[in-house]
C-alpha atoms as a PDB file:
ATOM      1  CA  MET A   1     275.207  -4.743   4.900  1.00  0.00           C
ATOM      2  CA  PRO A   2     273.619  -8.006   3.723  1.00  0.00           C
ATOM      3  CA  ILE A   3     270.821  -7.804   1.182  1.00  0.00           C
ATOM      4  CA  PRO A   4     267.895  -8.805   3.475  1.00  0.00           C
ATOM      5  CA  SER A   5     268.819  -6.239   6.148  1.00  0.00           C
ATOM      6  CA  SER A   6     269.331  -3.533   3.516  1.00  0.00           C
ATOM      7  CA  LEU A   7     265.714  -4.033   2.429  1.00  0.00           C
ATOM      8  CA  ILE A   8     264.395  -2.762   5.777  1.00  0.00           C
ATOM      9  CA  PRO A   9     265.429   0.893   5.354  1.00  0.00           C
ATOM     10  CA  SER A  10     264.385   0.798   1.680  1.00  0.00           C
ATOM     11  CA  ARG A  11     260.955  -0.467   2.636  1.00  0.00           C
ATOM     12  CA  PHE A  12     260.553   2.210   5.287  1.00  0.00           C
ATOM     13  CA  LEU A  13     261.634   4.993   2.927  1.00  0.00           C
ATOM     14  CA  THR A  14     259.340   3.927   0.084  1.00  0.00           C
ATOM     15  CA  LEU A  15     256.443   3.563   2.518  1.00  0.00           C
ATOM     16  CA  VAL A  16     257.015   7.049   3.906  1.00  0.00           C
ATOM     17  CA  ALA A  17     257.457   8.513   0.403  1.00  0.00           C
ATOM     18  CA  HIS A  18     254.126   6.983  -0.650  1.00  0.00           C
ATOM     19  CA  LEU A  19     252.491   8.332   2.498  1.00  0.00           C
ATOM     20  CA  ILE A  20     253.789  11.842   1.831  1.00  0.00           C
ATOM     21  CA  ILE A  21     252.569  11.829  -1.773  1.00  0.00           C
ATOM     22  CA  VAL A  22     249.097  10.677  -0.626  1.00  0.00           C
ATOM     23  CA  ILE A  23     248.973  13.512   1.917  1.00  0.00           C
ATOM     24  CA  ILE A  24     249.994  16.016  -0.782  1.00  0.00           C
ATOM     25  CA  ILE A  25     247.268  14.727  -3.096  1.00  0.00           C
ATOM     26  CA  PHE A  26     244.806  14.969  -0.200  1.00  0.00           C
ATOM     27  CA  TRP A  27     245.633  18.669   0.221  1.00  0.00           C
ATOM     28  CA  SER A  28     245.626  19.513  -3.488  1.00  0.00           C
ATOM     29  CA  ARG A  29     242.882  17.230  -4.804  1.00  0.00           C
ATOM     30  CA  LYS A  30     240.888  20.034  -6.497  1.00  0.00           C
ATOM     31  CA  SER A  31     242.747  19.760  -9.820  1.00  0.00           C
ATOM     32  CA  ASN A  32     242.210  15.998  -9.951  1.00  0.00           C
ATOM     33  CA  VAL A  33     238.539  16.395  -9.101  1.00  0.00           C
ATOM     34  CA  LEU A  34     238.160  18.937 -11.881  1.00  0.00           C
ATOM     35  CA  ALA A  35     239.847  16.500 -14.307  1.00  0.00           C
ATOM     36  CA  CYS A  36     237.090  14.001 -13.536  1.00  0.00           C
ATOM     37  CA  LEU A  37     234.292  16.368 -14.456  1.00  0.00           C
ATOM     38  CA  PRO A  38     232.868  17.481 -17.828  1.00  0.00           C
ATOM     39  CA  PRO A  39     233.481  21.090 -18.929  1.00  0.00           C
ATOM     40  CA  SER A  40     230.108  22.150 -17.527  1.00  0.00           C
ATOM     41  CA  TYR A  41     229.375  20.459 -14.232  1.00  0.00           C
ATOM     42  CA  THR A  42     226.999  20.954 -11.344  1.00  0.00           C
ATOM     43  CA  PRO A  43     228.046  21.474  -7.722  1.00  0.00           C
ATOM     44  CA  HIS A  44     226.520  18.047  -6.945  1.00  0.00           C
ATOM     45  CA  GLN A  45     228.815  16.390  -9.477  1.00  0.00           C
ATOM     46  CA  TYR A  46     231.827  18.170  -8.014  1.00  0.00           C
ATOM     47  CA  GLN A  47     230.854  17.169  -4.465  1.00  0.00           C
ATOM     48  CA  SER A  48     230.323  13.568  -5.560  1.00  0.00           C
ATOM     49  CA  ARG A  49     233.764  13.265  -7.193  1.00  0.00           C
ATOM     50  CA  ASP A  50     235.444  15.097  -4.329  1.00  0.00           C
ATOM     51  CA  THR A  51     233.860  12.696  -1.849  1.00  0.00           C
ATOM     52  CA  GLU A  52     234.981   9.729  -3.953  1.00  0.00           C
ATOM     53  CA  LEU A  53     238.574  10.916  -3.906  1.00  0.00           C
ATOM     54  CA  ILE A  54     238.453  11.684  -0.178  1.00  0.00           C
ATOM     55  CA  VAL A  55     237.170   8.156   0.525  1.00  0.00           C
ATOM     56  CA  ALA A  56     239.911   6.617  -1.648  1.00  0.00           C
ATOM     57  CA  LEU A  57     242.645   8.633   0.016  1.00  0.00           C
ATOM     58  CA  SER A  58     241.257   7.900   3.486  1.00  0.00           C
ATOM     59  CA  VAL A  59     241.155   4.151   2.848  1.00  0.00           C
ATOM     60  CA  THR A  60     244.743   4.404   1.610  1.00  0.00           C
ATOM     61  CA  LEU A  61     245.722   6.032   4.900  1.00  0.00           C
ATOM     62  CA  GLY A  62     244.040   3.116   6.706  1.00  0.00           C
ATOM     63  CA  MET A  63     246.120   0.684   4.679  1.00  0.00           C
ATOM     64  CA  PHE A  64     249.253   2.615   5.696  1.00  0.00           C
ATOM     65  CA  LEU A  65     248.267   2.227   9.316  1.00  0.00           C
ATOM     66  CA  ILE A  66     247.931  -1.533   8.928  1.00  0.00           C
ATOM     67  CA  GLU A  67     251.267  -1.810   7.172  1.00  0.00           C
ATOM     68  CA  LEU A  68     253.112   0.447   9.607  1.00  0.00           C
ATOM     69  CA  LEU A  69     251.700  -1.492  12.582  1.00  0.00           C
ATOM     70  CA  GLY A  70     252.963  -4.761  11.103  1.00  0.00           C
ATOM     71  CA  PHE A  71     256.291  -3.247  10.233  1.00  0.00           C
ATOM     72  CA  PHE A  72     257.004  -1.581  13.576  1.00  0.00           C
ATOM     73  CA  SER A  73     255.697  -4.544  15.606  1.00  0.00           C
ATOM     74  CA  GLY A  74     258.338  -6.695  13.940  1.00  0.00           C
ATOM     75  CA  VAL A  75     255.878  -9.055  12.323  1.00  0.00           C
ATOM     76  CA  SER A  76     257.118  -8.420   8.804  1.00  0.00           C
ATOM     77  CA  MET A  77     260.224  -6.304   9.320  1.00  0.00           C
ATOM     78  CA  PHE A  78     262.595  -9.171   8.627  1.00  0.00           C
ATOM     79  CA  ASN A  79     260.433 -10.987   6.090  1.00  0.00           C
ATOM     80  CA  GLY A  80     262.379 -10.635   2.817  1.00  0.00           C
ATOM     81  CA  THR A  81     259.412 -11.486   0.596  1.00  0.00           C
ATOM     82  CA  GLN A  82     257.142  -8.919   2.213  1.00  0.00           C
ATOM     83  CA  ASN A  83     259.911  -6.343   2.092  1.00  0.00           C
ATOM     84  CA  LEU A  84     260.408  -6.872  -1.634  1.00  0.00           C
ATOM     85  CA  ILE A  85     256.675  -6.790  -2.394  1.00  0.00           C
ATOM     86  CA  SER A  86     256.224  -3.672  -0.291  1.00  0.00           C
ATOM     87  CA  ILE A  87     259.203  -1.891  -1.851  1.00  0.00           C
ATOM     88  CA  ALA A  88     258.021  -2.697  -5.383  1.00  0.00           C
ATOM     89  CA  ALA A  89     254.400  -1.691  -4.664  1.00  0.00           C
ATOM     90  CA  HIS A  90     255.195   1.559  -2.850  1.00  0.00           C
ATOM     91  CA  CYS A  91     257.888   2.598  -5.318  1.00  0.00           C
ATOM     92  CA  SER A  92     255.419   2.004  -8.163  1.00  0.00           C
ATOM     93  CA  ALA A  93     252.801   3.983  -6.249  1.00  0.00           C
ATOM     94  CA  CYS A  94     255.196   6.912  -5.790  1.00  0.00           C
ATOM     95  CA  ILE A  95     255.850   7.077  -9.500  1.00  0.00           C
ATOM     96  CA  CYS A  96     252.183   6.643 -10.519  1.00  0.00           C
ATOM     97  CA  LEU A  97     250.862   9.083  -7.905  1.00  0.00           C
ATOM     98  CA  SER A  98     253.426  11.687  -8.972  1.00  0.00           C
ATOM     99  CA  PHE A  99     251.990  11.489 -12.455  1.00  0.00           C
ATOM    100  CA  PHE A 100     248.463  11.437 -10.966  1.00  0.00           C
ATOM    101  CA  ALA A 101     249.156  14.723  -9.179  1.00  0.00           C
ATOM    102  CA  PHE A 102     251.162  16.540 -11.850  1.00  0.00           C
ATOM    103  CA  GLU A 103     249.357  15.355 -14.964  1.00  0.00           C
ATOM    104  CA  GLU A 104     245.929  15.698 -13.269  1.00  0.00           C
ATOM    105  CA  TRP A 105     244.714  12.206 -14.096  1.00  0.00           C
ATOM    106  CA  GLU A 106     241.064  11.325 -13.639  1.00  0.00           C
ATOM    107  CA  CYS A 107     239.822  10.022 -10.308  1.00  0.00           C
ATOM    108  CA  TRP A 108     239.076   6.494 -11.476  1.00  0.00           C
ATOM    109  CA  THR A 109     242.772   5.861 -12.159  1.00  0.00           C
ATOM    110  CA  TYR A 110     243.466   6.281  -8.447  1.00  0.00           C
ATOM    111  CA  TRP A 111     241.466   3.106  -7.725  1.00  0.00           C
ATOM    112  CA  TYR A 112     243.781   1.059  -9.920  1.00  0.00           C
ATOM    113  CA  ILE A 113     246.870   2.488  -8.220  1.00  0.00           C
ATOM    114  CA  PHE A 114     245.219   1.865  -4.855  1.00  0.00           C
ATOM    115  CA  GLY A 115     244.387  -1.729  -5.721  1.00  0.00           C
ATOM    116  CA  PHE A 116     247.805  -2.751  -6.896  1.00  0.00           C
ATOM    117  CA  CYS A 117     250.036  -0.553  -4.755  1.00  0.00           C
ATOM    118  CA  SER A 118     248.258  -0.223  -1.413  1.00  0.00           C
ATOM    119  CA  THR A 119     245.867  -3.142  -1.059  1.00  0.00           C
ATOM    120  CA  LEU A 120     248.280  -5.888  -2.077  1.00  0.00           C
ATOM    121  CA  PRO A 121     251.002  -5.167   0.535  1.00  0.00           C
ATOM    122  CA  ALA A 122     248.394  -4.436   3.228  1.00  0.00           C
ATOM    123  CA  CYS A 123     246.592  -7.745   2.610  1.00  0.00           C
ATOM    124  CA  ILE A 124     249.850  -9.655   2.821  1.00  0.00           C
ATOM    125  CA  GLU A 125     250.626  -7.757   6.029  1.00  0.00           C
ATOM    126  CA  ILE A 126     247.254  -8.849   7.455  1.00  0.00           C
ATOM    127  CA  VAL A 127     247.985 -12.468   6.552  1.00  0.00           C
ATOM    128  CA  LEU A 128     251.364 -12.238   8.291  1.00  0.00           C
ATOM    129  CA  MET A 129     249.778 -10.663  11.381  1.00  0.00           C
ATOM    130  CA  ILE A 130     247.201 -13.447  11.548  1.00  0.00           C
ATOM    131  CA  ALA A 131     249.957 -16.046  11.190  1.00  0.00           C
ATOM    132  CA  VAL A 132     252.003 -14.512  14.005  1.00  0.00           C
ATOM    133  CA  PHE A 133     249.305 -13.398  16.476  1.00  0.00           C
ATOM    134  CA  VAL A 134     246.567 -15.976  15.929  1.00  0.00           C
ATOM    135  CA  LEU A 135     248.413 -19.067  14.678  1.00  0.00           C
ATOM    136  CA  LYS A 136     251.425 -18.284  16.930  1.00  0.00           C
ATOM    137  CA  LYS A 137     254.000 -18.798  14.204  1.00  0.00           C
ATOM    138  CA  LYS A 138     257.403 -17.175  14.510  1.00  0.00           C
ATOM    139  CA  PRO A 139     257.990 -14.104  12.339  1.00  0.00           C
ATOM    140  CA  LEU A 140     260.703 -14.689   9.775  1.00  0.00           C
END
């Protein structure tokens, strides 16, 4: 299997692995929310941090939707550069989010992981979609 075509299954698998880890964190977010709070906290502080983490995870799911739409529509499936960026970003996200879940990192660290590992490939995907659907360029 040539290298560019072998990137396609790798990209799909890392994307799905990242999605599964985000869903797991969504279900078990209580420990991460508690890690964000001082030893004595109010219910309002807990609710605020829980809402912050829910929003971050929900926006991440939206980014997955954008990336999966571009991938399955064929816009970026055969684009080697996007495949490499997506594989690197989602593989990094899987590693970081595993530590986030198991080591109970604070909530603010999720925003950094989100920015580098979810936003970057989704923004490139949007640019590729605009190039193909609006500017009528051929997908690579």
